[in-house]
Amino acid sequence: MIEARSRQVVIAGAGIAGLTAALAFAERGLPVKLFEQAKQLQAAGSGLQLAPNATRILRRLGVLDRLLPNAVRPEAVVLKDAKSLRELARVPLGQAAEKRWGAPYLVAHRADLQAAMAEEMAGRSDIELVTGARVTGIAADQRSVTATVEADGKTTSIAAGLLVGADGVWSTVRA
């Protein structure tokens, strides 16, 4: 039997990757502790194109319906010659994409996607988001991994069965 603490998942970083991982692990029955170094969730970047394979996952995680009011469903992608503006190709999207792939093709702002994920996560008792906290080190053995976390000038250790590094370009977890 797996020990309760080895079932826990620790995730460093609450951007889109970290939030998606948290929701997916919780959906599978694993408790999640999610650490974000910023004091509050903040989106970086701008627009995103979400292909049907992504929106199917968002639907399964309970996020899609929260995102839809703030997303656009383009009718097509049109490729044109840069000089003549002659249409070279057209990829139908909209209802055609939904019918073909079983999920919509969307364009949304990164902040809207992150907000929809955070809303879904807030209603779950199996995900704990800790802001203002940074994973600064890791140690692993045959049975578990221990994350060293700094928050409010204090350092603590958290044992888990899995540690996910979603803490961005300057990751301490993936270094």
N, C-alpha and C. Protein backbone atom coordinates (compact mmCIF):
# COMPACT_ATOMS: atom_id res chain seq x y z
N MET A 1 0.83 -1.18 0.00
CA MET A 1 0.00 0.00 0.00
C MET A 1 0.88 1.25 0.00
N ILE A 2 0.46 2.27 -0.75
CA ILE A 2 1.22 3.51 -0.83
C ILE A 2 0.93 4.36 0.40
N GLU A 3 1.98 4.87 1.02
CA GLU A 3 1.79 5.76 2.16
C GLU A 3 1.08 7.02 1.70
N ALA A 4 0.27 7.61 2.58
CA ALA A 4 -0.48 8.81 2.23
C ALA A 4 0.43 9.93 1.76
N ARG A 5 1.55 10.17 2.44
CA ARG A 5 2.39 11.29 2.03
C ARG A 5 3.08 11.02 0.70
N SER A 6 3.32 9.75 0.35
CA SER A 6 3.96 9.48 -0.93
C SER A 6 2.97 9.63 -2.08
N ARG A 7 1.69 9.69 -1.77
CA ARG A 7 0.68 9.95 -2.80
C ARG A 7 0.58 11.43 -3.12
N GLN A 8 1.00 12.28 -2.20
CA GLN A 8 0.90 13.72 -2.42
C GLN A 8 1.81 14.15 -3.55
N VAL A 9 1.32 15.10 -4.34
CA VAL A 9 2.10 15.69 -5.42
C VAL A 9 2.42 17.12 -5.04
N VAL A 10 3.68 17.51 -5.17
CA VAL A 10 4.10 18.89 -4.96
C VAL A 10 4.43 19.47 -6.32
N ILE A 11 3.89 20.66 -6.59
CA ILE A 11 4.14 21.32 -7.87
C ILE A 11 4.76 22.68 -7.59
N ALA A 12 5.88 22.97 -8.24
CA ALA A 12 6.53 24.27 -8.14
C ALA A 12 6.11 25.09 -9.35
N GLY A 13 5.36 26.17 -9.12
CA GLY A 13 4.94 27.05 -10.19
C GLY A 13 3.46 26.93 -10.51
N ALA A 14 2.76 28.07 -10.49
CA ALA A 14 1.32 28.08 -10.74
C ALA A 14 0.97 28.88 -11.99
N GLY A 15 1.78 28.69 -13.03
CA GLY A 15 1.41 29.20 -14.35
C GLY A 15 0.45 28.21 -14.98
N ILE A 16 0.27 28.30 -16.27
CA ILE A 16 -0.68 27.41 -16.94
C ILE A 16 -0.27 25.95 -16.80
N ALA A 17 1.01 25.65 -16.93
CA ALA A 17 1.46 24.25 -16.80
C ALA A 17 1.23 23.72 -15.39
N GLY A 18 1.58 24.49 -14.38
CA GLY A 18 1.40 24.05 -12.99
C GLY A 18 -0.06 23.89 -12.62
N LEU A 19 -0.90 24.83 -13.05
CA LEU A 19 -2.33 24.73 -12.76
C LEU A 19 -2.95 23.53 -13.47
N THR A 20 -2.56 23.30 -14.72
CA THR A 20 -3.07 22.14 -15.46
C THR A 20 -2.66 20.85 -14.77
N ALA A 21 -1.40 20.77 -14.38
CA ALA A 21 -0.92 19.56 -13.69
C ALA A 21 -1.67 19.36 -12.38
N ALA A 22 -1.88 20.43 -11.62
CA ALA A 22 -2.59 20.32 -10.34
C ALA A 22 -4.00 19.77 -10.55
N LEU A 23 -4.72 20.32 -11.51
CA LEU A 23 -6.08 19.85 -11.78
C LEU A 23 -6.09 18.40 -12.26
N ALA A 24 -5.13 18.04 -13.11
CA ALA A 24 -5.08 16.67 -13.64
C ALA A 24 -4.76 15.65 -12.55
N PHE A 25 -3.79 15.95 -11.69
CA PHE A 25 -3.46 15.02 -10.61
C PHE A 25 -4.62 14.90 -9.63
N ALA A 26 -5.25 16.01 -9.29
CA ALA A 26 -6.39 15.98 -8.36
C ALA A 26 -7.54 15.18 -8.97
N GLU A 27 -7.72 15.32 -10.27
CA GLU A 27 -8.77 14.57 -10.97
C GLU A 27 -8.54 13.06 -10.84
N ARG A 28 -7.29 12.67 -10.71
CA ARG A 28 -6.92 11.26 -10.54
C ARG A 28 -6.89 10.83 -9.08
N GLY A 29 -7.33 11.71 -8.18
CA GLY A 29 -7.43 11.35 -6.78
C GLY A 29 -6.19 11.61 -5.94
N LEU A 30 -5.24 12.34 -6.48
CA LEU A 30 -4.02 12.63 -5.73
C LEU A 30 -4.09 14.03 -5.11
N PRO A 31 -3.77 14.15 -3.83
CA PRO A 31 -3.74 15.48 -3.21
C PRO A 31 -2.55 16.27 -3.74
N VAL A 32 -2.76 17.57 -3.96
CA VAL A 32 -1.74 18.41 -4.57
C VAL A 32 -1.45 19.62 -3.69
N LYS A 33 -0.18 19.92 -3.55
CA LYS A 33 0.26 21.16 -2.91
C LYS A 33 1.03 21.93 -3.97
N LEU A 34 0.54 23.12 -4.29
CA LEU A 34 1.05 23.93 -5.40
C LEU A 34 1.69 25.19 -4.85
N PHE A 35 2.98 25.39 -5.13
CA PHE A 35 3.72 26.55 -4.62
C PHE A 35 4.00 27.53 -5.75
N GLU A 36 3.67 28.79 -5.50
CA GLU A 36 3.92 29.87 -6.47
C GLU A 36 4.70 30.97 -5.76
N GLN A 37 5.81 31.38 -6.35
CA GLN A 37 6.64 32.38 -5.69
C GLN A 37 6.02 33.77 -5.66
N ALA A 38 5.16 34.12 -6.62
CA ALA A 38 4.48 35.41 -6.60
C ALA A 38 3.47 35.44 -5.45
N LYS A 39 3.22 36.63 -4.93
CA LYS A 39 2.25 36.78 -3.83
C LYS A 39 0.82 36.50 -4.28
N GLN A 40 0.55 36.69 -5.56
CA GLN A 40 -0.76 36.36 -6.12
C GLN A 40 -0.56 35.88 -7.55
N LEU A 41 -1.52 35.13 -8.05
CA LEU A 41 -1.41 34.63 -9.42
C LEU A 41 -1.44 35.81 -10.38
N GLN A 42 -0.52 35.79 -11.32
CA GLN A 42 -0.48 36.83 -12.33
C GLN A 42 -0.09 36.20 -13.66
N ALA A 43 -0.78 36.60 -14.70
CA ALA A 43 -0.51 36.02 -16.01
C ALA A 43 0.54 36.83 -16.74
N ALA A 44 1.46 36.14 -17.36
CA ALA A 44 2.46 36.79 -18.21
C ALA A 44 2.14 36.41 -19.65
N GLY A 45 2.41 37.31 -20.56
CA GLY A 45 2.16 37.00 -21.96
C GLY A 45 0.85 37.58 -22.43
N SER A 46 0.37 37.06 -23.54
CA SER A 46 -0.85 37.61 -24.12
C SER A 46 -1.74 36.50 -24.65
N GLY A 47 -2.06 36.54 -25.92
CA GLY A 47 -3.03 35.60 -26.47
C GLY A 47 -2.50 34.20 -26.69
N LEU A 48 -3.43 33.26 -26.67
CA LEU A 48 -3.14 31.85 -26.90
C LEU A 48 -4.11 31.31 -27.93
N GLN A 49 -3.64 30.37 -28.73
CA GLN A 49 -4.52 29.59 -29.58
C GLN A 49 -4.63 28.21 -28.95
N LEU A 50 -5.83 27.77 -28.72
CA LEU A 50 -6.07 26.49 -28.07
C LEU A 50 -6.72 25.53 -29.06
N ALA A 51 -5.94 24.57 -29.52
CA ALA A 51 -6.43 23.58 -30.47
C ALA A 51 -7.40 22.63 -29.78
N PRO A 52 -8.20 21.89 -30.55
CA PRO A 52 -9.18 20.99 -29.95
C PRO A 52 -8.59 19.97 -28.98
N ASN A 53 -7.36 19.52 -29.20
CA ASN A 53 -6.79 18.57 -28.24
C ASN A 53 -6.61 19.24 -26.87
N ALA A 54 -6.30 20.53 -26.85
CA ALA A 54 -6.18 21.26 -25.58
C ALA A 54 -7.54 21.53 -24.96
N THR A 55 -8.53 21.92 -25.77
CA THR A 55 -9.84 22.23 -25.19
C THR A 55 -10.56 20.97 -24.70
N ARG A 56 -10.25 19.82 -25.30
CA ARG A 56 -10.80 18.56 -24.76
C ARG A 56 -10.29 18.33 -23.33
N ILE A 57 -9.01 18.58 -23.12
CA ILE A 57 -8.44 18.43 -21.77
C ILE A 57 -9.05 19.45 -20.82
N LEU A 58 -9.19 20.69 -21.27
CA LEU A 58 -9.80 21.72 -20.42
C LEU A 58 -11.24 21.34 -20.05
N ARG A 59 -11.96 20.72 -20.99
CA ARG A 59 -13.33 20.26 -20.69
C ARG A 59 -13.29 19.19 -19.60
N ARG A 60 -12.39 18.21 -19.76
CA ARG A 60 -12.29 17.12 -18.78
C ARG A 60 -11.91 17.64 -17.39
N LEU A 61 -11.12 18.71 -17.34
CA LEU A 61 -10.69 19.27 -16.06
C LEU A 61 -11.70 20.26 -15.47
N GLY A 62 -12.80 20.50 -16.17
CA GLY A 62 -13.83 21.40 -15.66
C GLY A 62 -13.57 22.87 -15.92
N VAL A 63 -12.64 23.18 -16.80
CA VAL A 63 -12.22 24.56 -17.03
C VAL A 63 -12.88 25.19 -18.26
N LEU A 64 -13.20 24.39 -19.27
CA LEU A 64 -13.65 24.92 -20.55
C LEU A 64 -14.87 25.83 -20.42
N ASP A 65 -15.89 25.40 -19.69
CA ASP A 65 -17.10 26.23 -19.56
C ASP A 65 -16.82 27.56 -18.87
N ARG A 66 -15.83 27.59 -18.00
CA ARG A 66 -15.45 28.85 -17.35
C ARG A 66 -14.71 29.78 -18.32
N LEU A 67 -14.00 29.20 -19.27
CA LEU A 67 -13.21 29.98 -20.22
C LEU A 67 -14.05 30.51 -21.38
N LEU A 68 -15.03 29.75 -21.84
CA LEU A 68 -15.77 30.07 -23.06
C LEU A 68 -16.29 31.51 -23.14
N PRO A 69 -16.85 32.09 -22.06
CA PRO A 69 -17.35 33.47 -22.19
C PRO A 69 -16.27 34.49 -22.54
N ASN A 70 -15.01 34.17 -22.30
CA ASN A 70 -13.91 35.10 -22.56
C ASN A 70 -13.04 34.68 -23.75
N ALA A 71 -13.51 33.70 -24.51
CA ALA A 71 -12.72 33.19 -25.64
C ALA A 71 -13.44 33.48 -26.95
N VAL A 72 -12.69 33.42 -28.03
CA VAL A 72 -13.22 33.61 -29.38
C VAL A 72 -13.08 32.30 -30.13
N ARG A 73 -14.12 31.97 -30.92
CA ARG A 73 -14.08 30.78 -31.78
C ARG A 73 -13.92 31.25 -33.22
N PRO A 74 -12.68 31.30 -33.72
CA PRO A 74 -12.50 31.76 -35.11
C PRO A 74 -13.16 30.79 -36.09
N GLU A 75 -13.69 31.34 -37.17
CA GLU A 75 -14.34 30.52 -38.18
C GLU A 75 -13.34 29.81 -39.09
N ALA A 76 -12.15 30.39 -39.25
CA ALA A 76 -11.15 29.78 -40.13
C ALA A 76 -9.78 30.40 -39.88
N VAL A 77 -8.76 29.68 -40.29
CA VAL A 77 -7.41 30.23 -40.39
C VAL A 77 -7.17 30.39 -41.88
N VAL A 78 -6.81 31.60 -42.29
CA VAL A 78 -6.59 31.89 -43.70
C VAL A 78 -5.12 32.24 -43.90
N LEU A 79 -4.46 31.51 -44.78
CA LEU A 79 -3.07 31.79 -45.13
C LEU A 79 -3.04 32.56 -46.44
N LYS A 80 -2.30 33.71 -46.43
CA LYS A 80 -2.25 34.55 -47.63
C LYS A 80 -0.81 34.83 -48.01
N ASP A 81 -0.61 35.06 -49.30
CA ASP A 81 0.68 35.50 -49.81
C ASP A 81 0.94 36.90 -49.27
N ALA A 82 2.14 37.14 -48.75
CA ALA A 82 2.45 38.41 -48.11
C ALA A 82 2.43 39.58 -49.09
N LYS A 83 2.82 39.37 -50.33
CA LYS A 83 2.86 40.47 -51.30
C LYS A 83 1.52 40.73 -51.96
N SER A 84 0.92 39.68 -52.47
CA SER A 84 -0.31 39.87 -53.25
C SER A 84 -1.58 39.78 -52.40
N LEU A 85 -1.46 39.25 -51.20
CA LEU A 85 -2.60 38.98 -50.32
C LEU A 85 -3.56 37.94 -50.90
N ARG A 86 -3.09 37.21 -51.91
CA ARG A 86 -3.89 36.14 -52.49
C ARG A 86 -4.02 35.02 -51.46
N GLU A 87 -5.22 34.48 -51.33
CA GLU A 87 -5.45 33.39 -50.38
C GLU A 87 -4.78 32.12 -50.89
N LEU A 88 -3.94 31.55 -50.03
CA LEU A 88 -3.22 30.33 -50.38
C LEU A 88 -3.92 29.09 -49.83
N ALA A 89 -4.47 29.22 -48.65
CA ALA A 89 -5.15 28.08 -48.02
C ALA A 89 -6.11 28.59 -46.96
N ARG A 90 -7.12 27.78 -46.70
CA ARG A 90 -8.10 28.10 -45.67
C ARG A 90 -8.36 26.83 -44.88
N VAL A 91 -8.22 26.93 -43.57
CA VAL A 91 -8.50 25.79 -42.69
C VAL A 91 -9.78 26.13 -41.93
N PRO A 92 -10.87 25.44 -42.23
CA PRO A 92 -12.12 25.74 -41.53
C PRO A 92 -12.04 25.36 -40.05
N LEU A 93 -12.54 26.24 -39.22
CA LEU A 93 -12.57 25.98 -37.78
C LEU A 93 -14.02 26.09 -37.32
N GLY A 94 -14.32 26.87 -36.30
CA GLY A 94 -15.69 27.05 -35.84
C GLY A 94 -16.42 25.74 -35.64
N GLN A 95 -17.63 25.65 -36.18
CA GLN A 95 -18.44 24.43 -36.05
C GLN A 95 -17.78 23.24 -36.74
N ALA A 96 -17.06 23.51 -37.84
CA ALA A 96 -16.39 22.42 -38.57
C ALA A 96 -15.35 21.74 -37.69
N ALA A 97 -14.59 22.52 -36.96
CA ALA A 97 -13.57 21.94 -36.07
C ALA A 97 -14.22 21.15 -34.95
N GLU A 98 -15.27 21.72 -34.39
CA GLU A 98 -15.95 21.04 -33.29
C GLU A 98 -16.56 19.72 -33.75
N LYS A 99 -17.14 19.73 -34.94
CA LYS A 99 -17.73 18.51 -35.48
C LYS A 99 -16.64 17.48 -35.80
N ARG A 100 -15.54 17.93 -36.38
CA ARG A 100 -14.47 17.02 -36.79
C ARG A 100 -13.70 16.47 -35.60
N TRP A 101 -13.34 17.34 -34.64
CA TRP A 101 -12.45 16.92 -33.56
C TRP A 101 -13.15 16.78 -32.21
N GLY A 102 -14.43 17.11 -32.14
CA GLY A 102 -15.18 16.92 -30.91
C GLY A 102 -14.92 17.94 -29.82
N ALA A 103 -14.26 19.03 -30.19
CA ALA A 103 -13.97 20.10 -29.23
C ALA A 103 -13.66 21.37 -30.03
N PRO A 104 -13.87 22.53 -29.43
CA PRO A 104 -13.67 23.77 -30.17
C PRO A 104 -12.20 24.18 -30.30
N TYR A 105 -11.93 24.98 -31.31
CA TYR A 105 -10.66 25.68 -31.48
C TYR A 105 -10.91 27.08 -30.94
N LEU A 106 -10.10 27.52 -29.99
CA LEU A 106 -10.34 28.81 -29.34
C LEU A 106 -9.11 29.71 -29.39
N VAL A 107 -9.37 31.00 -29.29
CA VAL A 107 -8.34 32.00 -29.06
C VAL A 107 -8.74 32.71 -27.77
N ALA A 108 -7.80 32.81 -26.84
CA ALA A 108 -8.11 33.43 -25.54
C ALA A 108 -6.86 34.13 -25.01
N HIS A 109 -7.07 35.03 -24.09
CA HIS A 109 -5.95 35.68 -23.41
C HIS A 109 -5.45 34.75 -22.32
N ARG A 110 -4.14 34.70 -22.17
CA ARG A 110 -3.51 33.85 -21.15
C ARG A 110 -4.10 34.12 -19.75
N ALA A 111 -4.35 35.39 -19.43
CA ALA A 111 -4.90 35.74 -18.12
C ALA A 111 -6.29 35.14 -17.92
N ASP A 112 -7.09 35.08 -18.98
CA ASP A 112 -8.44 34.50 -18.87
C ASP A 112 -8.36 32.99 -18.65
N LEU A 113 -7.43 32.33 -19.32
CA LEU A 113 -7.26 30.89 -19.10
C LEU A 113 -6.79 30.63 -17.67
N GLN A 114 -5.81 31.38 -17.22
CA GLN A 114 -5.30 31.20 -15.87
C GLN A 114 -6.40 31.47 -14.83
N ALA A 115 -7.21 32.49 -15.05
CA ALA A 115 -8.31 32.80 -14.12
C ALA A 115 -9.34 31.67 -14.09
N ALA A 116 -9.67 31.11 -15.26
CA ALA A 116 -10.63 30.00 -15.31
C ALA A 116 -10.09 28.79 -14.57
N MET A 117 -8.80 28.52 -14.71
CA MET A 117 -8.19 27.39 -14.01
C MET A 117 -8.16 27.64 -12.50
N ALA A 118 -7.83 28.85 -12.11
CA ALA A 118 -7.78 29.18 -10.68
C ALA A 118 -9.17 29.08 -10.06
N GLU A 119 -10.21 29.50 -10.79
CA GLU A 119 -11.59 29.38 -10.30
C GLU A 119 -11.95 27.92 -10.07
N GLU A 120 -11.62 27.07 -11.03
CA GLU A 120 -11.92 25.64 -10.90
C GLU A 120 -11.16 25.05 -9.72
N MET A 121 -9.93 25.45 -9.56
CA MET A 121 -9.09 24.93 -8.49
C MET A 121 -9.58 25.38 -7.12
N ALA A 122 -10.08 26.60 -7.04
CA ALA A 122 -10.52 27.15 -5.75
C ALA A 122 -11.65 26.34 -5.13
N GLY A 123 -12.44 25.68 -5.94
CA GLY A 123 -13.55 24.88 -5.43
C GLY A 123 -13.16 23.48 -5.01
N ARG A 124 -11.89 23.17 -5.03
CA ARG A 124 -11.44 21.80 -4.74
C ARG A 124 -10.67 21.77 -3.43
N SER A 125 -10.99 20.80 -2.59
CA SER A 125 -10.28 20.65 -1.31
C SER A 125 -9.01 19.83 -1.46
N ASP A 126 -8.83 19.18 -2.62
CA ASP A 126 -7.65 18.33 -2.81
C ASP A 126 -6.46 19.07 -3.44
N ILE A 127 -6.62 20.39 -3.66
CA ILE A 127 -5.53 21.21 -4.17
C ILE A 127 -5.32 22.38 -3.21
N GLU A 128 -4.10 22.51 -2.72
CA GLU A 128 -3.77 23.64 -1.85
C GLU A 128 -2.77 24.53 -2.59
N LEU A 129 -3.15 25.78 -2.83
CA LEU A 129 -2.27 26.75 -3.47
C LEU A 129 -1.62 27.60 -2.39
N VAL A 130 -0.29 27.65 -2.41
CA VAL A 130 0.47 28.46 -1.46
C VAL A 130 1.23 29.50 -2.27
N THR A 131 0.83 30.78 -2.14
CA THR A 131 1.52 31.84 -2.87
C THR A 131 2.61 32.45 -1.98
N GLY A 132 3.52 33.18 -2.61
CA GLY A 132 4.63 33.75 -1.86
C GLY A 132 5.58 32.69 -1.35
N ALA A 133 5.61 31.54 -2.01
CA ALA A 133 6.44 30.41 -1.58
C ALA A 133 7.19 29.85 -2.78
N ARG A 134 8.45 29.55 -2.56
CA ARG A 134 9.31 29.10 -3.66
C ARG A 134 10.02 27.81 -3.28
N VAL A 135 9.98 26.83 -4.19
CA VAL A 135 10.74 25.60 -3.98
C VAL A 135 12.20 25.92 -4.32
N THR A 136 13.07 25.75 -3.32
CA THR A 136 14.48 26.13 -3.49
C THR A 136 15.42 24.94 -3.57
N GLY A 137 14.93 23.76 -3.24
CA GLY A 137 15.79 22.59 -3.30
C GLY A 137 14.99 21.31 -3.28
N ILE A 138 15.63 20.23 -3.71
CA ILE A 138 14.98 18.92 -3.70
C ILE A 138 15.97 17.85 -3.27
N ALA A 139 15.43 16.82 -2.66
CA ALA A 139 16.20 15.62 -2.31
C ALA A 139 15.28 14.43 -2.55
N ALA A 140 15.82 13.39 -3.14
CA ALA A 140 14.99 12.22 -3.45
C ALA A 140 15.67 10.95 -2.98
N ASP A 141 14.83 9.98 -2.62
CA ASP A 141 15.33 8.64 -2.32
C ASP A 141 14.43 7.65 -3.05
N GLN A 142 14.52 6.38 -2.72
CA GLN A 142 13.75 5.35 -3.41
C GLN A 142 12.24 5.48 -3.22
N ARG A 143 11.81 6.10 -2.13
CA ARG A 143 10.38 6.11 -1.79
C ARG A 143 9.69 7.44 -1.98
N SER A 144 10.44 8.54 -1.90
CA SER A 144 9.77 9.84 -1.98
C SER A 144 10.76 10.92 -2.38
N VAL A 145 10.22 12.10 -2.53
CA VAL A 145 11.03 13.28 -2.81
C VAL A 145 10.68 14.33 -1.75
N THR A 146 11.68 15.09 -1.33
CA THR A 146 11.45 16.14 -0.36
C THR A 146 11.79 17.48 -1.00
N ALA A 147 10.83 18.40 -0.94
CA ALA A 147 11.03 19.74 -1.48
C ALA A 147 11.33 20.69 -0.34
N THR A 148 12.33 21.52 -0.52
CA THR A 148 12.63 22.58 0.43
C THR A 148 11.91 23.82 -0.08
N VAL A 149 11.09 24.43 0.79
CA VAL A 149 10.26 25.56 0.39
C VAL A 149 10.57 26.76 1.28
N GLU A 150 10.77 27.92 0.65
CA GLU A 150 10.98 29.16 1.38
C GLU A 150 9.73 30.02 1.24
N ALA A 151 9.22 30.49 2.38
CA ALA A 151 8.05 31.37 2.39
C ALA A 151 8.11 32.23 3.64
N ASP A 152 7.87 33.50 3.50
CA ASP A 152 7.84 34.43 4.63
C ASP A 152 9.10 34.34 5.49
N GLY A 153 10.24 34.17 4.86
CA GLY A 153 11.49 34.11 5.59
C GLY A 153 11.75 32.81 6.32
N LYS A 154 10.87 31.83 6.15
CA LYS A 154 11.03 30.53 6.81
C LYS A 154 11.28 29.45 5.76
N THR A 155 12.01 28.43 6.16
CA THR A 155 12.27 27.29 5.28
C THR A 155 11.63 26.05 5.88
N THR A 156 10.87 25.33 5.06
CA THR A 156 10.25 24.08 5.50
C THR A 156 10.53 22.99 4.47
N SER A 157 10.33 21.76 4.88
CA SER A 157 10.49 20.61 3.99
C SER A 157 9.17 19.89 3.85
N ILE A 158 8.84 19.52 2.62
CA ILE A 158 7.59 18.83 2.32
C ILE A 158 7.93 17.52 1.61
N ALA A 159 7.49 16.40 2.16
CA ALA A 159 7.71 15.09 1.52
C ALA A 159 6.53 14.79 0.61
N ALA A 160 6.83 14.19 -0.54
CA ALA A 160 5.79 13.85 -1.51
C ALA A 160 6.23 12.64 -2.32
N GLY A 161 5.28 12.09 -3.04
CA GLY A 161 5.59 10.99 -3.94
C GLY A 161 6.11 11.47 -5.28
N LEU A 162 5.78 12.73 -5.61
CA LEU A 162 6.16 13.28 -6.91
C LEU A 162 6.33 14.79 -6.78
N LEU A 163 7.34 15.32 -7.43
CA LEU A 163 7.58 16.76 -7.50
C LEU A 163 7.60 17.15 -8.96
N VAL A 164 6.77 18.13 -9.32
CA VAL A 164 6.69 18.61 -10.70
C VAL A 164 7.31 20.00 -10.77
N GLY A 165 8.24 20.18 -11.68
CA GLY A 165 8.86 21.49 -11.89
C GLY A 165 8.15 22.24 -13.00
N ALA A 166 7.31 23.20 -12.62
CA ALA A 166 6.61 24.06 -13.58
C ALA A 166 6.89 25.51 -13.20
N ASP A 167 8.11 25.73 -12.72
CA ASP A 167 8.47 27.03 -12.16
C ASP A 167 9.24 27.91 -13.14
N GLY A 168 9.00 27.72 -14.40
CA GLY A 168 9.47 28.66 -15.41
C GLY A 168 10.90 28.48 -15.87
N VAL A 169 11.32 29.45 -16.64
CA VAL A 169 12.61 29.42 -17.30
C VAL A 169 13.79 29.31 -16.33
N TRP A 170 13.70 29.96 -15.20
CA TRP A 170 14.80 29.93 -14.22
C TRP A 170 14.52 28.92 -13.12
N SER A 171 13.98 27.79 -13.49
CA SER A 171 13.56 26.74 -12.56
C SER A 171 14.69 26.26 -11.65
N THR A 172 14.38 26.18 -10.37
CA THR A 172 15.31 25.55 -9.43
C THR A 172 15.05 24.04 -9.39
N VAL A 173 13.85 23.63 -9.71
CA VAL A 173 13.49 22.22 -9.66
C VAL A 173 14.11 21.46 -10.84
N ARG A 174 14.07 22.05 -12.01
CA ARG A 174 14.57 21.38 -13.21
C ARG A 174 16.06 21.62 -13.46
N ALA A 175 16.70 22.44 -12.63
CA ALA A 175 18.13 22.78 -12.85
C ALA A 175 19.02 21.58 -12.68
